[in-house]
Amino acid sequence: LRGYQEGLSRLVSTRYDDEEYEKAVITIQRIYRGHRHYNLGKKLKCLKHQQELEAAAVKIQKVHRGRITRRMQKDARKVKAAGRVQCAMRGKLARRAVERALIEK
């Protein structure tokens, strides 16, 4: 067993000592690293696109909420104005009723 291991280590050490092997290793590393950075760039681009979409959605929601708020304020003003008109009308009718009651006496 020991002889086998020594022979294997000699085989491995002589096989990986030449320049061609080093060039192949460097090429593999270069391709892998390039691929890894390419995928990272794609992920970042996708993330940036997603952030832009979220920003656009927030802007749309902000505009819509502003419209709803203004519409509610407008409706509130109408309700308040209707209350004033009703109050004035009730006052006028009450004064008329009092006048008629005084006249009839």
N, C-alpha and C. Protein backbone atom coordinates (compact mmCIF):
# COMPACT_ATOMS: atom_id res chain seq x y z
N LEU A 1 0.83 -1.19 0.00
CA LEU A 1 0.00 0.00 0.00
C LEU A 1 0.87 1.25 0.00
N ARG A 2 1.93 1.21 0.80
CA ARG A 2 2.81 2.37 0.87
C ARG A 2 3.48 2.65 -0.47
N GLY A 3 3.90 1.63 -1.15
CA GLY A 3 4.53 1.78 -2.45
C GLY A 3 3.57 2.37 -3.47
N TYR A 4 2.31 1.95 -3.37
CA TYR A 4 1.29 2.46 -4.28
C TYR A 4 1.12 3.96 -4.07
N GLN A 5 1.07 4.39 -2.80
CA GLN A 5 0.91 5.80 -2.49
C GLN A 5 2.10 6.62 -2.98
N GLU A 6 3.29 6.08 -2.80
CA GLU A 6 4.50 6.79 -3.28
C GLU A 6 4.48 6.90 -4.79
N GLY A 7 4.08 5.85 -5.46
CA GLY A 7 4.03 5.88 -6.92
C GLY A 7 2.97 6.87 -7.40
N LEU A 8 1.86 6.89 -6.69
CA LEU A 8 0.78 7.81 -7.04
C LEU A 8 1.22 9.25 -6.83
N SER A 9 1.91 9.53 -5.72
CA SER A 9 2.36 10.89 -5.47
C SER A 9 3.38 11.32 -6.50
N ARG A 10 4.26 10.37 -6.94
CA ARG A 10 5.24 10.71 -7.98
C ARG A 10 4.51 11.01 -9.28
N LEU A 11 3.51 10.23 -9.58
CA LEU A 11 2.74 10.42 -10.81
C LEU A 11 2.02 11.77 -10.79
N VAL A 12 1.42 12.09 -9.66
CA VAL A 12 0.70 13.35 -9.53
C VAL A 12 1.65 14.51 -9.60
N SER A 13 2.77 14.44 -8.91
CA SER A 13 3.70 15.56 -8.88
C SER A 13 4.32 15.80 -10.25
N THR A 14 4.59 14.77 -11.04
CA THR A 14 5.18 14.98 -12.36
C THR A 14 4.11 15.42 -13.35
N ARG A 15 2.86 14.98 -13.16
CA ARG A 15 1.81 15.32 -14.10
C ARG A 15 1.46 16.80 -14.02
N TYR A 16 1.51 17.40 -12.86
CA TYR A 16 1.05 18.77 -12.68
C TYR A 16 2.18 19.78 -12.61
N ASP A 17 3.36 19.42 -13.05
CA ASP A 17 4.48 20.36 -12.99
C ASP A 17 4.68 21.14 -14.28
N ASP A 18 4.10 20.73 -15.36
CA ASP A 18 4.40 21.39 -16.63
C ASP A 18 3.60 22.68 -16.82
N GLU A 19 4.05 23.48 -17.78
CA GLU A 19 3.43 24.79 -18.05
C GLU A 19 2.03 24.66 -18.64
N GLU A 20 1.83 23.62 -19.41
CA GLU A 20 0.53 23.43 -20.05
C GLU A 20 -0.57 23.26 -19.00
N TYR A 21 -0.24 22.53 -17.94
CA TYR A 21 -1.19 22.35 -16.86
C TYR A 21 -1.50 23.68 -16.18
N GLU A 22 -0.47 24.47 -15.94
CA GLU A 22 -0.67 25.78 -15.30
C GLU A 22 -1.55 26.68 -16.16
N LYS A 23 -1.30 26.66 -17.45
CA LYS A 23 -2.13 27.47 -18.36
C LYS A 23 -3.59 27.01 -18.33
N ALA A 24 -3.78 25.69 -18.29
CA ALA A 24 -5.14 25.15 -18.24
C ALA A 24 -5.84 25.56 -16.95
N VAL A 25 -5.11 25.49 -15.84
CA VAL A 25 -5.68 25.90 -14.55
C VAL A 25 -6.07 27.37 -14.57
N ILE A 26 -5.19 28.21 -15.09
CA ILE A 26 -5.46 29.65 -15.15
C ILE A 26 -6.66 29.92 -16.05
N THR A 27 -6.75 29.20 -17.16
CA THR A 27 -7.88 29.37 -18.07
C THR A 27 -9.19 28.98 -17.38
N ILE A 28 -9.18 27.87 -16.69
CA ILE A 28 -10.39 27.43 -15.99
C ILE A 28 -10.79 28.45 -14.93
N GLN A 29 -9.82 28.93 -14.17
CA GLN A 29 -10.11 29.93 -13.14
C GLN A 29 -10.66 31.21 -13.75
N ARG A 30 -10.06 31.63 -14.86
CA ARG A 30 -10.49 32.86 -15.53
C ARG A 30 -11.93 32.72 -16.02
N ILE A 31 -12.23 31.60 -16.63
CA ILE A 31 -13.59 31.38 -17.15
C ILE A 31 -14.59 31.32 -16.00
N TYR A 32 -14.24 30.61 -14.93
CA TYR A 32 -15.15 30.50 -13.79
C TYR A 32 -15.39 31.87 -13.16
N ARG A 33 -14.33 32.62 -12.94
CA ARG A 33 -14.49 33.94 -12.31
C ARG A 33 -15.29 34.88 -13.20
N GLY A 34 -15.05 34.82 -14.50
CA GLY A 34 -15.83 35.64 -15.42
C GLY A 34 -17.30 35.28 -15.38
N HIS A 35 -17.57 33.99 -15.35
CA HIS A 35 -18.95 33.52 -15.27
C HIS A 35 -19.60 33.98 -13.97
N ARG A 36 -18.86 33.87 -12.89
CA ARG A 36 -19.40 34.28 -11.58
C ARG A 36 -19.72 35.78 -11.57
N HIS A 37 -18.82 36.60 -12.13
CA HIS A 37 -19.07 38.04 -12.17
C HIS A 37 -20.20 38.39 -13.13
N TYR A 38 -20.31 37.64 -14.22
CA TYR A 38 -21.40 37.87 -15.16
C TYR A 38 -22.74 37.63 -14.47
N ASN A 39 -22.84 36.52 -13.75
CA ASN A 39 -24.08 36.22 -13.03
C ASN A 39 -24.37 37.25 -11.96
N LEU A 40 -23.32 37.71 -11.27
CA LEU A 40 -23.49 38.74 -10.26
C LEU A 40 -24.02 40.03 -10.90
N GLY A 41 -23.48 40.38 -12.06
CA GLY A 41 -23.96 41.56 -12.77
C GLY A 41 -25.41 41.43 -13.18
N LYS A 42 -25.80 40.23 -13.63
CA LYS A 42 -27.20 40.01 -14.00
C LYS A 42 -28.11 40.17 -12.79
N LYS A 43 -27.66 39.64 -11.64
CA LYS A 43 -28.47 39.76 -10.43
C LYS A 43 -28.60 41.22 -10.01
N LEU A 44 -27.50 41.96 -10.09
CA LEU A 44 -27.55 43.37 -9.71
C LEU A 44 -28.46 44.16 -10.65
N LYS A 45 -28.38 43.85 -11.94
CA LYS A 45 -29.23 44.52 -12.91
C LYS A 45 -30.70 44.23 -12.63
N CYS A 46 -31.00 42.98 -12.32
CA CYS A 46 -32.37 42.58 -12.00
C CYS A 46 -32.83 43.28 -10.73
N LEU A 47 -31.95 43.36 -9.74
CA LEU A 47 -32.28 44.03 -8.49
C LEU A 47 -32.55 45.51 -8.73
N LYS A 48 -31.73 46.13 -9.56
CA LYS A 48 -31.91 47.55 -9.87
C LYS A 48 -33.25 47.77 -10.57
N HIS A 49 -33.58 46.88 -11.51
CA HIS A 49 -34.85 46.99 -12.22
C HIS A 49 -36.02 46.84 -11.25
N GLN A 50 -35.88 45.90 -10.32
CA GLN A 50 -36.93 45.68 -9.33
C GLN A 50 -37.09 46.91 -8.44
N GLN A 51 -35.99 47.54 -8.05
CA GLN A 51 -36.07 48.75 -7.23
C GLN A 51 -36.73 49.88 -8.00
N GLU A 52 -36.44 49.99 -9.30
CA GLU A 52 -37.08 51.02 -10.12
C GLU A 52 -38.59 50.78 -10.20
N LEU A 53 -38.98 49.52 -10.35
CA LEU A 53 -40.42 49.20 -10.39
C LEU A 53 -41.09 49.53 -9.07
N GLU A 54 -40.42 49.22 -7.96
CA GLU A 54 -40.99 49.54 -6.65
C GLU A 54 -41.12 51.04 -6.47
N ALA A 55 -40.11 51.80 -6.93
CA ALA A 55 -40.18 53.26 -6.82
C ALA A 55 -41.34 53.80 -7.65
N ALA A 56 -41.54 53.24 -8.84
CA ALA A 56 -42.65 53.67 -9.69
C ALA A 56 -43.99 53.34 -9.02
N ALA A 57 -44.08 52.17 -8.42
CA ALA A 57 -45.31 51.78 -7.74
C ALA A 57 -45.60 52.71 -6.57
N VAL A 58 -44.56 53.08 -5.83
CA VAL A 58 -44.74 54.00 -4.70
C VAL A 58 -45.23 55.34 -5.19
N LYS A 59 -44.67 55.80 -6.31
CA LYS A 59 -45.09 57.09 -6.86
C LYS A 59 -46.56 57.05 -7.29
N ILE A 60 -46.95 55.97 -7.94
CA ILE A 60 -48.35 55.82 -8.36
C ILE A 60 -49.27 55.80 -7.15
N GLN A 61 -48.88 55.06 -6.12
CA GLN A 61 -49.70 54.99 -4.91
C GLN A 61 -49.80 56.36 -4.25
N LYS A 62 -48.69 57.10 -4.25
CA LYS A 62 -48.68 58.42 -3.62
C LYS A 62 -49.65 59.36 -4.34
N VAL A 63 -49.62 59.35 -5.67
CA VAL A 63 -50.52 60.20 -6.45
C VAL A 63 -51.97 59.81 -6.20
N HIS A 64 -52.24 58.51 -6.20
CA HIS A 64 -53.61 58.04 -6.00
C HIS A 64 -54.12 58.41 -4.61
N ARG A 65 -53.28 58.21 -3.60
CA ARG A 65 -53.70 58.56 -2.24
C ARG A 65 -53.95 60.06 -2.11
N GLY A 66 -53.14 60.87 -2.79
CA GLY A 66 -53.36 62.32 -2.78
C GLY A 66 -54.70 62.68 -3.39
N ARG A 67 -55.02 62.03 -4.51
CA ARG A 67 -56.32 62.28 -5.15
C ARG A 67 -57.47 61.90 -4.24
N ILE A 68 -57.35 60.73 -3.63
CA ILE A 68 -58.41 60.28 -2.72
C ILE A 68 -58.58 61.26 -1.57
N THR A 69 -57.46 61.71 -1.00
CA THR A 69 -57.52 62.65 0.13
C THR A 69 -58.18 63.96 -0.29
N ARG A 70 -57.79 64.47 -1.46
CA ARG A 70 -58.40 65.72 -1.94
C ARG A 70 -59.89 65.54 -2.20
N ARG A 71 -60.26 64.39 -2.76
CA ARG A 71 -61.67 64.11 -3.02
C ARG A 71 -62.44 64.03 -1.70
N MET A 72 -61.84 63.39 -0.69
CA MET A 72 -62.51 63.30 0.61
C MET A 72 -62.65 64.68 1.23
N GLN A 73 -61.62 65.52 1.09
CA GLN A 73 -61.71 66.88 1.63
C GLN A 73 -62.79 67.67 0.91
N LYS A 74 -62.87 67.49 -0.40
CA LYS A 74 -63.90 68.17 -1.17
C LYS A 74 -65.28 67.71 -0.72
N ASP A 75 -65.44 66.39 -0.53
CA ASP A 75 -66.71 65.86 -0.03
C ASP A 75 -67.01 66.39 1.36
N ALA A 76 -65.98 66.50 2.20
CA ALA A 76 -66.18 67.02 3.57
C ALA A 76 -66.64 68.47 3.51
N ARG A 77 -66.04 69.24 2.58
CA ARG A 77 -66.47 70.65 2.43
C ARG A 77 -67.92 70.71 1.98
N LYS A 78 -68.31 69.80 1.07
CA LYS A 78 -69.70 69.78 0.60
C LYS A 78 -70.64 69.43 1.74
N VAL A 79 -70.25 68.46 2.56
CA VAL A 79 -71.08 68.06 3.69
C VAL A 79 -71.21 69.22 4.68
N LYS A 80 -70.09 69.90 4.92
CA LYS A 80 -70.11 71.04 5.84
C LYS A 80 -71.00 72.16 5.29
N ALA A 81 -70.88 72.41 3.97
CA ALA A 81 -71.72 73.43 3.34
C ALA A 81 -73.19 73.03 3.40
N ALA A 82 -73.48 71.76 3.18
CA ALA A 82 -74.86 71.28 3.26
C ALA A 82 -75.40 71.47 4.68
N GLY A 83 -74.57 71.24 5.66
CA GLY A 83 -74.97 71.46 7.06
C GLY A 83 -75.30 72.91 7.32
N ARG A 84 -74.46 73.80 6.75
CA ARG A 84 -74.72 75.24 6.92
C ARG A 84 -76.05 75.62 6.27
N VAL A 85 -76.28 75.13 5.05
CA VAL A 85 -77.53 75.43 4.35
C VAL A 85 -78.72 74.90 5.14
N GLN A 86 -78.60 73.67 5.62
CA GLN A 86 -79.70 73.09 6.41
C GLN A 86 -79.95 73.89 7.68
N CYS A 87 -78.85 74.32 8.33
CA CYS A 87 -78.98 75.10 9.56
C CYS A 87 -79.70 76.42 9.27
N ALA A 88 -79.29 77.08 8.19
CA ALA A 88 -79.93 78.34 7.83
C ALA A 88 -81.40 78.13 7.50
N MET A 89 -81.68 77.04 6.78
CA MET A 89 -83.07 76.76 6.40
C MET A 89 -83.91 76.45 7.63
N ARG A 90 -83.37 75.65 8.55
CA ARG A 90 -84.12 75.34 9.77
C ARG A 90 -84.37 76.61 10.59
N GLY A 91 -83.36 77.47 10.65
CA GLY A 91 -83.53 78.74 11.37
C GLY A 91 -84.61 79.59 10.75
N LYS A 92 -84.58 79.66 9.41
CA LYS A 92 -85.58 80.45 8.70
C LYS A 92 -86.99 79.90 8.93
N LEU A 93 -87.12 78.55 8.85
CA LEU A 93 -88.43 77.93 9.08
C LEU A 93 -88.89 78.13 10.53
N ALA A 94 -87.95 78.05 11.46
CA ALA A 94 -88.31 78.25 12.87
C ALA A 94 -88.77 79.69 13.10
N ARG A 95 -88.06 80.65 12.49
CA ARG A 95 -88.46 82.06 12.64
C ARG A 95 -89.83 82.30 12.02
N ARG A 96 -90.09 81.68 10.87
CA ARG A 96 -91.39 81.80 10.23
C ARG A 96 -92.50 81.23 11.13
N ALA A 97 -92.18 80.06 11.70
CA ALA A 97 -93.18 79.42 12.58
C ALA A 97 -93.47 80.31 13.78
N VAL A 98 -92.45 80.93 14.34
CA VAL A 98 -92.63 81.82 15.49
C VAL A 98 -93.43 83.04 15.06
N GLU A 99 -93.13 83.60 13.89
CA GLU A 99 -93.87 84.76 13.38
C GLU A 99 -95.33 84.43 13.19
N ARG A 100 -95.60 83.28 12.60
CA ARG A 100 -96.99 82.87 12.37
C ARG A 100 -97.71 82.64 13.69
N ALA A 101 -96.98 82.08 14.64
CA ALA A 101 -97.61 81.85 15.96
C ALA A 101 -97.92 83.17 16.63
N LEU A 102 -97.06 84.17 16.49
CA LEU A 102 -97.31 85.49 17.07
C LEU A 102 -98.45 86.20 16.38
N ILE A 103 -98.53 86.05 15.06
CA ILE A 103 -99.59 86.69 14.30
C ILE A 103 -100.94 86.08 14.63
N GLU A 104 -101.00 84.77 14.80
CA GLU A 104 -102.25 84.09 15.08
C GLU A 104 -102.77 84.38 16.48
N LYS A 105 -101.95 84.77 17.38
CA LYS A 105 -102.39 85.06 18.75
C LYS A 105 -103.17 86.30 18.78
